[in-house]
Amino acid sequence: HLIMQDAEAAGVPMQSVESTLTIFEIFK
């Protein structure tokens, strides 16, 4: 999150490497 704050402040685009539901799918 600290890194994302710094990237956002500099206008650096961000991308997730996976779906946010991946972990949920593993456990449920």
PDB file of all heavy atoms in Angstrom:
ATOM      1  N   HIS A   1       0.827  -1.208   0.000  1.00  0.00           N
ATOM      2  CA  HIS A   1       0.000   0.000   0.000  1.00  0.00           C
ATOM      3  C   HIS A   1       0.861   1.258   0.000  1.00  0.00           C
ATOM      4  O   HIS A   1       0.518   2.250  -0.663  1.00  0.00           O
ATOM      5  CB  HIS A   1      -0.931  -0.002   1.213  1.00  0.00           C
ATOM      6  CG  HIS A   1      -2.095  -0.919   1.067  1.00  0.00           C
ATOM      7  ND1 HIS A   1      -3.306  -0.517   0.536  1.00  0.00           N
ATOM      8  CD2 HIS A   1      -2.239  -2.230   1.353  1.00  0.00           C
ATOM      9  CE1 HIS A   1      -4.143  -1.533   0.518  1.00  0.00           C
ATOM     10  NE2 HIS A   1      -3.518  -2.594   1.007  1.00  0.00           N
ATOM     11  N   LEU A   2       1.965   1.230   0.730  1.00  0.00           N
ATOM     12  CA  LEU A   2       2.864   2.383   0.725  1.00  0.00           C
ATOM     13  C   LEU A   2       3.414   2.615  -0.679  1.00  0.00           C
ATOM     14  O   LEU A   2       3.514   3.766  -1.140  1.00  0.00           O
ATOM     15  CB  LEU A   2       4.003   2.158   1.716  1.00  0.00           C
ATOM     16  CG  LEU A   2       3.604   1.982   3.182  1.00  0.00           C
ATOM     17  CD1 LEU A   2       4.841   1.662   4.027  1.00  0.00           C
ATOM     18  CD2 LEU A   2       2.884   3.203   3.717  1.00  0.00           C
ATOM     19  N   ILE A   3       3.772   1.541  -1.355  1.00  0.00           N
ATOM     20  CA  ILE A   3       4.277   1.644  -2.726  1.00  0.00           C
ATOM     21  C   ILE A   3       3.185   2.184  -3.654  1.00  0.00           C
ATOM     22  O   ILE A   3       3.450   3.035  -4.517  1.00  0.00           O
ATOM     23  CB  ILE A   3       4.787   0.274  -3.212  1.00  0.00           C
ATOM     24  CG1 ILE A   3       6.080  -0.099  -2.470  1.00  0.00           C
ATOM     25  CG2 ILE A   3       5.030   0.279  -4.718  1.00  0.00           C
ATOM     26  CD1 ILE A   3       6.547  -1.515  -2.727  1.00  0.00           C
ATOM     27  N   MET A   4       1.961   1.699  -3.482  1.00  0.00           N
ATOM     28  CA  MET A   4       0.864   2.188  -4.325  1.00  0.00           C
ATOM     29  C   MET A   4       0.601   3.667  -4.086  1.00  0.00           C
ATOM     30  O   MET A   4       0.281   4.409  -5.027  1.00  0.00           O
ATOM     31  CB  MET A   4      -0.397   1.362  -4.094  1.00  0.00           C
ATOM     32  CG  MET A   4      -0.357   0.002  -4.763  1.00  0.00           C
ATOM     33  SD  MET A   4      -1.961  -0.864  -4.773  1.00  0.00           S
ATOM     34  CE  MET A   4      -2.030  -1.448  -3.074  1.00  0.00           C
ATOM     35  N   GLN A   5       0.735   4.122  -2.853  1.00  0.00           N
ATOM     36  CA  GLN A   5       0.569   5.552  -2.571  1.00  0.00           C
ATOM     37  C   GLN A   5       1.600   6.370  -3.334  1.00  0.00           C
ATOM     38  O   GLN A   5       1.276   7.418  -3.917  1.00  0.00           O
ATOM     39  CB  GLN A   5       0.696   5.801  -1.074  1.00  0.00           C
ATOM     40  CG  GLN A   5      -0.484   5.320  -0.252  1.00  0.00           C
ATOM     41  CD  GLN A   5      -0.272   5.532   1.240  1.00  0.00           C
ATOM     42  OE1 GLN A   5       0.827   5.876   1.685  1.00  0.00           O
ATOM     43  NE2 GLN A   5      -1.317   5.328   2.021  1.00  0.00           N
ATOM     44  N   ASP A   6       2.846   5.896  -3.334  1.00  0.00           N
ATOM     45  CA  ASP A   6       3.903   6.624  -4.037  1.00  0.00           C
ATOM     46  C   ASP A   6       3.673   6.610  -5.550  1.00  0.00           C
ATOM     47  O   ASP A   6       3.909   7.618  -6.226  1.00  0.00           O
ATOM     48  CB  ASP A   6       5.268   6.011  -3.709  1.00  0.00           C
ATOM     49  CG  ASP A   6       5.669   6.228  -2.259  1.00  0.00           C
ATOM     50  OD1 ASP A   6       5.142   7.171  -1.635  1.00  0.00           O
ATOM     51  OD2 ASP A   6       6.494   5.446  -1.742  1.00  0.00           O
ATOM     52  N   ALA A   7       3.219   5.465  -6.073  1.00  0.00           N
ATOM     53  CA  ALA A   7       2.936   5.382  -7.504  1.00  0.00           C
ATOM     54  C   ALA A   7       1.785   6.297  -7.883  1.00  0.00           C
ATOM     55  O   ALA A   7       1.839   7.009  -8.906  1.00  0.00           O
ATOM     56  CB  ALA A   7       2.618   3.937  -7.884  1.00  0.00           C
ATOM     57  N   GLU A   8       0.752   6.304  -7.076  1.00  0.00           N
ATOM     58  CA  GLU A   8      -0.411   7.146  -7.361  1.00  0.00           C
ATOM     59  C   GLU A   8      -0.022   8.615  -7.350  1.00  0.00           C
ATOM     60  O   GLU A   8      -0.478   9.393  -8.194  1.00  0.00           O
ATOM     61  CB  GLU A   8      -1.501   6.864  -6.330  1.00  0.00           C
ATOM     62  CG  GLU A   8      -2.828   7.554  -6.631  1.00  0.00           C
ATOM     63  CD  GLU A   8      -3.920   7.134  -5.665  1.00  0.00           C
ATOM     64  OE1 GLU A   8      -3.634   7.027  -4.456  1.00  0.00           O
ATOM     65  OE2 GLU A   8      -5.068   6.914  -6.112  1.00  0.00           O
ATOM     66  N   ALA A   9       0.824   9.010  -6.399  1.00  0.00           N
ATOM     67  CA  ALA A   9       1.255  10.406  -6.312  1.00  0.00           C
ATOM     68  C   ALA A   9       2.016  10.840  -7.563  1.00  0.00           C
ATOM     69  O   ALA A   9       1.977  12.020  -7.942  1.00  0.00           O
ATOM     70  CB  ALA A   9       2.125  10.611  -5.075  1.00  0.00           C
ATOM     71  N   ALA A  10       2.710   9.895  -8.200  1.00  0.00           N
ATOM     72  CA  ALA A  10       3.499  10.208  -9.395  1.00  0.00           C
ATOM     73  C   ALA A  10       2.740   9.920 -10.685  1.00  0.00           C
ATOM     74  O   ALA A  10       3.286  10.093 -11.781  1.00  0.00           O
ATOM     75  CB  ALA A  10       4.806   9.414  -9.375  1.00  0.00           C
ATOM     76  N   GLY A  11       1.505   9.472 -10.575  1.00  0.00           N
ATOM     77  CA  GLY A  11       0.710   9.183 -11.765  1.00  0.00           C
ATOM     78  C   GLY A  11       1.124   7.925 -12.499  1.00  0.00           C
ATOM     79  O   GLY A  11       0.853   7.775 -13.695  1.00  0.00           O
ATOM     80  N   VAL A  12       1.773   7.005 -11.794  1.00  0.00           N
ATOM     81  CA  VAL A  12       2.197   5.743 -12.410  1.00  0.00           C
ATOM     82  C   VAL A  12       0.999   4.800 -12.482  1.00  0.00           C
ATOM     83  O   VAL A  12       0.333   4.562 -11.469  1.00  0.00           O
ATOM     84  CB  VAL A  12       3.325   5.081 -11.597  1.00  0.00           C
ATOM     85  CG1 VAL A  12       3.703   3.719 -12.189  1.00  0.00           C
ATOM     86  CG2 VAL A  12       4.544   5.996 -11.541  1.00  0.00           C
ATOM     87  N   PRO A  13       0.680   4.259 -13.655  1.00  0.00           N
ATOM     88  CA  PRO A  13      -0.453   3.332 -13.758  1.00  0.00           C
ATOM     89  C   PRO A  13      -0.182   2.040 -12.995  1.00  0.00           C
ATOM     90  O   PRO A  13       0.973   1.635 -12.820  1.00  0.00           O
ATOM     91  CB  PRO A  13      -0.571   3.072 -15.263  1.00  0.00           C
ATOM     92  CG  PRO A  13       0.770   3.398 -15.815  1.00  0.00           C
ATOM     93  CD  PRO A  13       1.333   4.482 -14.948  1.00  0.00           C
ATOM     94  N   MET A  14      -1.260   1.412 -12.542  1.00  0.00           N
ATOM     95  CA  MET A  14      -1.151   0.184 -11.761  1.00  0.00           C
ATOM     96  C   MET A  14      -1.985  -0.920 -12.390  1.00  0.00           C
ATOM     97  O   MET A  14      -3.011  -0.667 -13.007  1.00  0.00           O
ATOM     98  CB  MET A  14      -1.619   0.423 -10.319  1.00  0.00           C
ATOM     99  CG  MET A  14      -0.723   1.325  -9.514  1.00  0.00           C
ATOM    100  SD  MET A  14      -1.391   1.636  -7.860  1.00  0.00           S
ATOM    101  CE  MET A  14      -1.813   3.378  -7.979  1.00  0.00           C
ATOM    102  N   GLN A  15      -1.529  -2.149 -12.176  1.00  0.00           N
ATOM    103  CA  GLN A  15      -2.226  -3.319 -12.705  1.00  0.00           C
ATOM    104  C   GLN A  15      -2.123  -4.459 -11.710  1.00  0.00           C
ATOM    105  O   GLN A  15      -1.064  -4.707 -11.135  1.00  0.00           O
ATOM    106  CB  GLN A  15      -1.608  -3.743 -14.042  1.00  0.00           C
ATOM    107  CG  GLN A  15      -2.242  -4.998 -14.649  1.00  0.00           C
ATOM    108  CD  GLN A  15      -1.560  -5.421 -15.936  1.00  0.00           C
ATOM    109  OE1 GLN A  15      -0.768  -4.666 -16.518  1.00  0.00           O
ATOM    110  NE2 GLN A  15      -1.852  -6.614 -16.396  1.00  0.00           N
ATOM    111  N   SER A  16      -3.235  -5.170 -11.508  1.00  0.00           N
ATOM    112  CA  SER A  16      -3.225  -6.352 -10.643  1.00  0.00           C
ATOM    113  C   SER A  16      -2.724  -7.552 -11.426  1.00  0.00           C
ATOM    114  O   SER A  16      -2.994  -7.680 -12.629  1.00  0.00           O
ATOM    115  CB  SER A  16      -4.625  -6.635 -10.111  1.00  0.00           C
ATOM    116  OG  SER A  16      -5.091  -5.574  -9.305  1.00  0.00           O
ATOM    117  N   VAL A  17      -2.014  -8.439 -10.749  1.00  0.00           N
ATOM    118  CA  VAL A  17      -1.517  -9.643 -11.410  1.00  0.00           C
ATOM    119  C   VAL A  17      -2.554 -10.765 -11.397  1.00  0.00           C
ATOM    120  O   VAL A  17      -2.380 -11.780 -12.079  1.00  0.00           O
ATOM    121  CB  VAL A  17      -0.209 -10.147 -10.767  1.00  0.00           C
ATOM    122  CG1 VAL A  17       0.922  -9.164 -11.029  1.00  0.00           C
ATOM    123  CG2 VAL A  17      -0.383 -10.398  -9.279  1.00  0.00           C
ATOM    124  N   GLU A  18      -3.634 -10.595 -10.617  1.00  0.00           N
ATOM    125  CA  GLU A  18      -4.659 -11.621 -10.553  1.00  0.00           C
ATOM    126  C   GLU A  18      -5.984 -10.989 -10.159  1.00  0.00           C
ATOM    127  O   GLU A  18      -6.042  -9.836  -9.722  1.00  0.00           O
ATOM    128  CB  GLU A  18      -4.288 -12.711  -9.546  1.00  0.00           C
ATOM    129  CG  GLU A  18      -4.255 -12.242  -8.098  1.00  0.00           C
ATOM    130  CD  GLU A  18      -3.841 -13.338  -7.123  1.00  0.00           C
ATOM    131  OE1 GLU A  18      -3.569 -14.468  -7.544  1.00  0.00           O
ATOM    132  OE2 GLU A  18      -3.782 -13.036  -5.908  1.00  0.00           O
ATOM    133  N   SER A  19      -7.044 -11.751 -10.283  1.00  0.00           N
ATOM    134  CA  SER A  19      -8.354 -11.315  -9.826  1.00  0.00           C
ATOM    135  C   SER A  19      -8.360 -11.201  -8.307  1.00  0.00           C
ATOM    136  O   SER A  19      -7.742 -12.003  -7.605  1.00  0.00           O
ATOM    137  CB  SER A  19      -9.427 -12.315 -10.271  1.00  0.00           C
ATOM    138  OG  SER A  19     -10.642 -12.115  -9.561  1.00  0.00           O
ATOM    139  N   THR A  20      -9.081 -10.208  -7.795  1.00  0.00           N
ATOM    140  CA  THR A  20      -9.169 -10.046  -6.346  1.00  0.00           C
ATOM    141  C   THR A  20      -9.944 -11.185  -5.693  1.00  0.00           C
ATOM    142  O   THR A  20      -9.909 -11.333  -4.469  1.00  0.00           O
ATOM    143  CB  THR A  20      -9.858  -8.714  -5.990  1.00  0.00           C
ATOM    144  OG1 THR A  20     -11.103  -8.627  -6.690  1.00  0.00           O
ATOM    145  CG2 THR A  20      -8.974  -7.546  -6.370  1.00  0.00           C
ATOM    146  N   LEU A  21     -10.624 -12.003  -6.482  1.00  0.00           N
ATOM    147  CA  LEU A  21     -11.385 -13.127  -5.925  1.00  0.00           C
ATOM    148  C   LEU A  21     -10.571 -14.413  -5.867  1.00  0.00           C
ATOM    149  O   LEU A  21     -11.073 -15.433  -5.393  1.00  0.00           O
ATOM    150  CB  LEU A  21     -12.651 -13.366  -6.751  1.00  0.00           C
ATOM    151  CG  LEU A  21     -13.732 -12.289  -6.656  1.00  0.00           C
ATOM    152  CD1 LEU A  21     -14.905 -12.640  -7.573  1.00  0.00           C
ATOM    153  CD2 LEU A  21     -14.218 -12.122  -5.224  1.00  0.00           C
ATOM    154  N   THR A  22      -9.325 -14.382  -6.321  1.00  0.00           N
ATOM    155  CA  THR A  22      -8.527 -15.608  -6.394  1.00  0.00           C
ATOM    156  C   THR A  22      -8.413 -16.292  -5.036  1.00  0.00           C
ATOM    157  O   THR A  22      -8.648 -17.503  -4.909  1.00  0.00           O
ATOM    158  CB  THR A  22      -7.124 -15.305  -6.938  1.00  0.00           C
ATOM    159  OG1 THR A  22      -7.240 -14.762  -8.259  1.00  0.00           O
ATOM    160  CG2 THR A  22      -6.287 -16.575  -6.982  1.00  0.00           C
ATOM    161  N   ILE A  23      -8.037 -15.554  -4.015  1.00  0.00           N
ATOM    162  CA  ILE A  23      -7.861 -16.145  -2.685  1.00  0.00           C
ATOM    163  C   ILE A  23      -9.178 -16.692  -2.159  1.00  0.00           C
ATOM    164  O   ILE A  23      -9.225 -17.769  -1.550  1.00  0.00           O
ATOM    165  CB  ILE A  23      -7.284 -15.112  -1.705  1.00  0.00           C
ATOM    166  CG1 ILE A  23      -5.846 -14.770  -2.087  1.00  0.00           C
ATOM    167  CG2 ILE A  23      -7.325 -15.640  -0.276  1.00  0.00           C
ATOM    168  CD1 ILE A  23      -4.886 -15.935  -1.974  1.00  0.00           C
ATOM    169  N   PHE A  24     -10.273 -15.964  -2.413  1.00  0.00           N
ATOM    170  CA  PHE A  24     -11.574 -16.436  -1.951  1.00  0.00           C
ATOM    171  C   PHE A  24     -11.915 -17.777  -2.585  1.00  0.00           C
ATOM    172  O   PHE A  24     -12.455 -18.672  -1.926  1.00  0.00           O
ATOM    173  CB  PHE A  24     -12.658 -15.405  -2.286  1.00  0.00           C
ATOM    174  CG  PHE A  24     -12.459 -14.078  -1.626  1.00  0.00           C
ATOM    175  CD1 PHE A  24     -11.770 -13.064  -2.268  1.00  0.00           C
ATOM    176  CD2 PHE A  24     -12.949 -13.825  -0.357  1.00  0.00           C
ATOM    177  CE1 PHE A  24     -11.574 -11.838  -1.671  1.00  0.00           C
ATOM    178  CE2 PHE A  24     -12.773 -12.597   0.258  1.00  0.00           C
ATOM    179  CZ  PHE A  24     -12.075 -11.597  -0.399  1.00  0.00           C
ATOM    180  N   GLU A  25     -11.591 -17.908  -3.851  1.00  0.00           N
ATOM    181  CA  GLU A  25     -11.896 -19.155  -4.562  1.00  0.00           C
ATOM    182  C   GLU A  25     -11.092 -20.314  -3.984  1.00  0.00           C
ATOM    183  O   GLU A  25     -11.588 -21.443  -3.907  1.00  0.00           O
ATOM    184  CB  GLU A  25     -11.588 -18.994  -6.051  1.00  0.00           C
ATOM    185  CG  GLU A  25     -12.446 -17.967  -6.774  1.00  0.00           C
ATOM    186  CD  GLU A  25     -13.906 -18.356  -6.831  1.00  0.00           C
ATOM    187  OE1 GLU A  25     -14.200 -19.566  -6.747  1.00  0.00           O
ATOM    188  OE2 GLU A  25     -14.753 -17.449  -6.949  1.00  0.00           O
ATOM    189  N   ILE A  26      -9.864 -20.055  -3.566  1.00  0.00           N
ATOM    190  CA  ILE A  26      -9.028 -21.118  -3.009  1.00  0.00           C
ATOM    191  C   ILE A  26      -9.650 -21.682  -1.740  1.00  0.00           C
ATOM    192  O   ILE A  26      -9.704 -22.895  -1.534  1.00  0.00           O
ATOM    193  CB  ILE A  26      -7.607 -20.595  -2.726  1.00  0.00           C
ATOM    194  CG1 ILE A  26      -6.866 -20.318  -4.050  1.00  0.00           C
ATOM    195  CG2 ILE A  26      -6.809 -21.601  -1.888  1.00  0.00           C
ATOM    196  CD1 ILE A  26      -5.520 -19.655  -3.866  1.00  0.00           C
ATOM    197  N   PHE A  27     -10.138 -20.790  -0.883  1.00  0.00           N
ATOM    198  CA  PHE A  27     -10.601 -21.229   0.428  1.00  0.00           C
ATOM    199  C   PHE A  27     -12.041 -21.714   0.451  1.00  0.00           C
ATOM    200  O   PHE A  27     -12.369 -22.681   1.126  1.00  0.00           O
ATOM    201  CB  PHE A  27     -10.433 -20.101   1.446  1.00  0.00           C
ATOM    202  CG  PHE A  27      -9.013 -19.853   1.826  1.00  0.00           C
ATOM    203  CD1 PHE A  27      -8.346 -18.729   1.371  1.00  0.00           C
ATOM    204  CD2 PHE A  27      -8.322 -20.747   2.621  1.00  0.00           C
ATOM    205  CE1 PHE A  27      -7.030 -18.502   1.702  1.00  0.00           C
ATOM    206  CE2 PHE A  27      -7.004 -20.534   2.960  1.00  0.00           C
ATOM    207  CZ  PHE A  27      -6.357 -19.403   2.509  1.00  0.00           C
ATOM    208  N   LYS A  28     -12.902 -21.044  -0.276  1.00  0.00           N
ATOM    209  CA  LYS A  28     -14.319 -21.339  -0.108  1.00  0.00           C
ATOM    210  C   LYS A  28     -14.714 -22.680  -0.694  1.00  0.00           C
ATOM    211  O   LYS A  28     -15.792 -23.191  -0.387  1.00  0.00           O
ATOM    212  CB  LYS A  28     -15.171 -20.221  -0.720  1.00  0.00           C
ATOM    213  CG  LYS A  28     -15.251 -20.227  -2.243  1.00  0.00           C
ATOM    214  CD  LYS A  28     -16.183 -19.141  -2.727  1.00  0.00           C
ATOM    215  CE  LYS A  28     -16.392 -19.202  -4.239  1.00  0.00           C
ATOM    216  NZ  LYS A  28     -17.314 -18.159  -4.716  1.00  0.00           N
TER     217      LYS A  28
END
